[in-house]
Amino acid sequence: MTDTPLKKVNLQEKFSQISDHWNPRVVGEWSGQQVKLAKFKGQFDWHFHENEDEVFLVVRGVMRMGLRDPDEREVLVEEGEFLIVPKGVHHCPAAHTEETWVMMLEPATTLNTGNLQNERTRNTLEHL
């Protein structure tokens, strides 16, 4: 048994608490993994994660994922679809619609900008 109470998470409610873009929030954790939510608008930066795979699940809108694996290409991910980006793959997420809501499943060690350090880097994430 666990001392942690079980609770369900309402994605609509959590997304309604997010008013900015490209700033992931943690809404769940298990065994060193995290569930993160973010709203995307425009394009992010090209980056990769040396040690972590990432799962991007589109909740609302359409995400365009640029990939270099090794050739450069784009994949459109629509509502209800997800994309797994393996560690080491350069990628560049973008909102293909005005605003895209994305749930990410990834190790807690995953830095949102991967190998980059810039103004978009979030070293500490807010928990909702």
C-alpha atoms as a PDB file:
ATOM      1  CA  MET A   1       0.000   0.000   0.000  1.00  0.00           C
ATOM      2  CA  THR A   2       0.976   3.602  -0.503  1.00  0.00           C
ATOM      3  CA  ASP A   3       0.667   6.635   1.738  1.00  0.00           C
ATOM      4  CA  THR A   4       0.101   8.816  -1.334  1.00  0.00           C
ATOM      5  CA  PRO A   5      -3.603   9.283  -2.088  1.00  0.00           C
ATOM      6  CA  LEU A   6      -4.723   8.337  -5.561  1.00  0.00           C
ATOM      7  CA  LYS A   7      -6.167  11.201  -7.555  1.00  0.00           C
ATOM      8  CA  LYS A   8      -7.363  11.660 -11.081  1.00  0.00           C
ATOM      9  CA  VAL A   9      -6.253  14.623 -13.174  1.00  0.00           C
ATOM     10  CA  ASN A  10      -8.594  16.629 -15.378  1.00  0.00           C
ATOM     11  CA  LEU A  11      -6.582  17.851 -18.382  1.00  0.00           C
ATOM     12  CA  GLN A  12      -9.032  20.635 -19.295  1.00  0.00           C
ATOM     13  CA  GLU A  13      -8.832  22.010 -15.761  1.00  0.00           C
ATOM     14  CA  LYS A  14      -5.035  21.882 -15.708  1.00  0.00           C
ATOM     15  CA  PHE A  15      -4.650  23.450 -19.163  1.00  0.00           C
ATOM     16  CA  SER A  16      -7.008  26.262 -18.081  1.00  0.00           C
ATOM     17  CA  GLN A  17      -4.386  27.204 -15.454  1.00  0.00           C
ATOM     18  CA  ILE A  18      -1.731  27.748 -18.143  1.00  0.00           C
ATOM     19  CA  SER A  19      -1.731  31.146 -19.828  1.00  0.00           C
ATOM     20  CA  ASP A  20       1.762  31.233 -21.336  1.00  0.00           C
ATOM     21  CA  HIS A  21       3.574  29.192 -23.984  1.00  0.00           C
ATOM     22  CA  TRP A  22       6.575  26.845 -23.976  1.00  0.00           C
ATOM     23  CA  ASN A  23       6.577  26.635 -20.173  1.00  0.00           C
ATOM     24  CA  PRO A  24       5.854  23.018 -19.136  1.00  0.00           C
ATOM     25  CA  ARG A  25       4.030  22.288 -15.874  1.00  0.00           C
ATOM     26  CA  VAL A  26       4.174  18.992 -14.000  1.00  0.00           C
ATOM     27  CA  VAL A  27       0.769  17.402 -13.347  1.00  0.00           C
ATOM     28  CA  GLY A  28       1.827  13.886 -12.369  1.00  0.00           C
ATOM     29  CA  GLU A  29       4.821  11.756 -11.388  1.00  0.00           C
ATOM     30  CA  TRP A  30       5.626   8.075 -11.129  1.00  0.00           C
ATOM     31  CA  SER A  31       8.838   6.032 -10.855  1.00  0.00           C
ATOM     32  CA  GLY A  32      11.134   8.878 -11.949  1.00  0.00           C
ATOM     33  CA  GLN A  33       8.832   9.880 -14.814  1.00  0.00           C
ATOM     34  CA  GLN A  34       6.711  13.001 -15.164  1.00  0.00           C
ATOM     35  CA  VAL A  35       3.531  14.026 -16.951  1.00  0.00           C
ATOM     36  CA  LYS A  36       3.968  17.590 -18.206  1.00  0.00           C
ATOM     37  CA  LEU A  37       1.530  19.943 -19.913  1.00  0.00           C
ATOM     38  CA  ALA A  38       2.408  22.907 -22.103  1.00  0.00           C
ATOM     39  CA  LYS A  39       0.737  25.184 -24.589  1.00  0.00           C
ATOM     40  CA  PHE A  40       2.659  25.661 -27.816  1.00  0.00           C
ATOM     41  CA  LYS A  41       2.468  28.759 -29.997  1.00  0.00           C
ATOM     42  CA  GLY A  42       4.789  29.344 -32.934  1.00  0.00           C
ATOM     43  CA  GLN A  43       8.019  27.372 -33.122  1.00  0.00           C
ATOM     44  CA  PHE A  44      10.431  26.194 -30.423  1.00  0.00           C
ATOM     45  CA  ASP A  45      14.203  25.705 -30.789  1.00  0.00           C
ATOM     46  CA  TRP A  46      16.045  22.806 -32.403  1.00  0.00           C
ATOM     47  CA  HIS A  47      17.515  20.609 -29.666  1.00  0.00           C
ATOM     48  CA  PHE A  48      18.060  17.017 -28.573  1.00  0.00           C
ATOM     49  CA  HIS A  49      18.132  15.049 -25.341  1.00  0.00           C
ATOM     50  CA  GLU A  50      21.237  12.965 -24.829  1.00  0.00           C
ATOM     51  CA  ASN A  51      19.721  10.486 -22.360  1.00  0.00           C
ATOM     52  CA  GLU A  52      15.927  10.759 -22.504  1.00  0.00           C
ATOM     53  CA  ASP A  53      13.168   9.707 -24.892  1.00  0.00           C
ATOM     54  CA  GLU A  54      10.088  11.949 -25.024  1.00  0.00           C
ATOM     55  CA  VAL A  55       6.438  11.278 -25.758  1.00  0.00           C
ATOM     56  CA  PHE A  56       4.345  14.161 -27.160  1.00  0.00           C
ATOM     57  CA  LEU A  57       0.558  13.624 -27.028  1.00  0.00           C
ATOM     58  CA  VAL A  58      -1.561  16.309 -28.691  1.00  0.00           C
ATOM     59  CA  VAL A  59      -4.642  17.158 -26.638  1.00  0.00           C
ATOM     60  CA  ARG A  60      -5.859  20.130 -28.708  1.00  0.00           C
ATOM     61  CA  GLY A  61      -4.765  21.503 -32.075  1.00  0.00           C
ATOM     62  CA  VAL A  62      -2.017  20.150 -34.320  1.00  0.00           C
ATOM     63  CA  MET A  63       1.706  19.930 -33.577  1.00  0.00           C
ATOM     64  CA  ARG A  64       4.356  20.042 -36.274  1.00  0.00           C
ATOM     65  CA  MET A  65       7.538  18.243 -35.253  1.00  0.00           C
ATOM     66  CA  GLY A  66      10.692  18.919 -37.181  1.00  0.00           C
ATOM     67  CA  LEU A  67      13.068  15.946 -37.047  1.00  0.00           C
ATOM     68  CA  ARG A  68      16.637  15.255 -38.119  1.00  0.00           C
ATOM     69  CA  ASP A  69      16.936  11.485 -37.980  1.00  0.00           C
ATOM     70  CA  PRO A  70      19.282  11.743 -39.989  1.00  0.00           C
ATOM     71  CA  ASP A  71      17.425  13.529 -42.813  1.00  0.00           C
ATOM     72  CA  GLU A  72      15.392  16.616 -42.015  1.00  0.00           C
ATOM     73  CA  ARG A  73      11.620  16.131 -42.207  1.00  0.00           C
ATOM     74  CA  GLU A  74       8.372  17.195 -40.541  1.00  0.00           C
ATOM     75  CA  VAL A  75       5.635  15.134 -38.947  1.00  0.00           C
ATOM     76  CA  LEU A  76       2.156  16.520 -38.236  1.00  0.00           C
ATOM     77  CA  VAL A  77       0.631  15.155 -35.030  1.00  0.00           C
ATOM     78  CA  GLU A  78      -3.110  15.750 -34.661  1.00  0.00           C
ATOM     79  CA  GLU A  79      -5.460  15.688 -31.660  1.00  0.00           C
ATOM     80  CA  GLY A  80      -5.482  12.289 -30.001  1.00  0.00           C
ATOM     81  CA  GLU A  81      -2.174  11.260 -31.635  1.00  0.00           C
ATOM     82  CA  PHE A  82       1.266  10.978 -30.085  1.00  0.00           C
ATOM     83  CA  LEU A  83       4.851  10.907 -31.279  1.00  0.00           C
ATOM     84  CA  ILE A  84       7.839   9.341 -29.543  1.00  0.00           C
ATOM     85  CA  VAL A  85      11.120  11.194 -30.092  1.00  0.00           C
ATOM     86  CA  PRO A  86      14.051   8.930 -29.170  1.00  0.00           C
ATOM     87  CA  LYS A  87      17.040  10.254 -27.274  1.00  0.00           C
ATOM     88  CA  GLY A  88      19.691  11.808 -29.484  1.00  0.00           C
ATOM     89  CA  VAL A  89      17.267  12.866 -32.251  1.00  0.00           C
ATOM     90  CA  HIS A  90      17.354  16.590 -33.039  1.00  0.00           C
ATOM     91  CA  HIS A  91      13.790  17.886 -32.985  1.00  0.00           C
ATOM     92  CA  CYS A  92      11.914  21.162 -33.169  1.00  0.00           C
ATOM     93  CA  PRO A  93       8.304  21.226 -31.947  1.00  0.00           C
ATOM     94  CA  ALA A  94       5.894  23.853 -33.257  1.00  0.00           C
ATOM     95  CA  ALA A  95       2.209  24.658 -33.100  1.00  0.00           C
ATOM     96  CA  HIS A  96       0.716  23.989 -36.528  1.00  0.00           C
ATOM     97  CA  THR A  97      -2.514  25.630 -35.367  1.00  0.00           C
ATOM     98  CA  GLU A  98      -2.781  28.978 -33.554  1.00  0.00           C
ATOM     99  CA  GLU A  99      -2.232  27.240 -30.208  1.00  0.00           C
ATOM    100  CA  THR A 100      -1.569  23.580 -29.501  1.00  0.00           C
ATOM    101  CA  TRP A 101      -2.010  21.822 -26.161  1.00  0.00           C
ATOM    102  CA  VAL A 102       0.510  19.042 -25.563  1.00  0.00           C
ATOM    103  CA  MET A 103       1.009  16.456 -22.837  1.00  0.00           C
ATOM    104  CA  MET A 104       4.558  15.150 -22.522  1.00  0.00           C
ATOM    105  CA  LEU A 105       5.591  11.923 -20.815  1.00  0.00           C
ATOM    106  CA  GLU A 106       9.285  11.860 -20.007  1.00  0.00           C
ATOM    107  CA  PRO A 107      11.882  11.216 -17.310  1.00  0.00           C
ATOM    108  CA  ALA A 108      11.949  13.851 -14.558  1.00  0.00           C
ATOM    109  CA  THR A 109      15.540  14.639 -15.597  1.00  0.00           C
ATOM    110  CA  THR A 110      14.428  15.902 -19.030  1.00  0.00           C
ATOM    111  CA  LEU A 111      15.273  19.574 -19.554  1.00  0.00           C
ATOM    112  CA  ASN A 112      12.795  21.248 -21.907  1.00  0.00           C
ATOM    113  CA  THR A 113      15.573  22.697 -24.110  1.00  0.00           C
ATOM    114  CA  GLY A 114      17.723  19.564 -24.018  1.00  0.00           C
ATOM    115  CA  ASN A 115      21.282  20.370 -25.016  1.00  0.00           C
ATOM    116  CA  LEU A 116      20.564  24.133 -25.200  1.00  0.00           C
ATOM    117  CA  GLN A 117      20.617  26.744 -22.457  1.00  0.00           C
ATOM    118  CA  ASN A 118      18.694  29.882 -23.386  1.00  0.00           C
ATOM    119  CA  GLU A 119      15.832  32.138 -22.244  1.00  0.00           C
ATOM    120  CA  ARG A 120      13.352  29.305 -22.816  1.00  0.00           C
ATOM    121  CA  THR A 121      15.174  26.873 -20.528  1.00  0.00           C
ATOM    122  CA  ARG A 122      13.143  25.917 -17.447  1.00  0.00           C
ATOM    123  CA  ASN A 123      15.449  24.413 -14.812  1.00  0.00           C
ATOM    124  CA  THR A 124      12.634  24.161 -12.264  1.00  0.00           C
ATOM    125  CA  LEU A 125       9.070  23.338 -13.263  1.00  0.00           C
ATOM    126  CA  GLU A 126       5.907  24.434 -11.503  1.00  0.00           C
ATOM    127  CA  HIS A 127       3.585  21.675 -10.282  1.00  0.00           C
ATOM    128  CA  LEU A 128      -0.123  22.168 -10.908  1.00  0.00           C
END
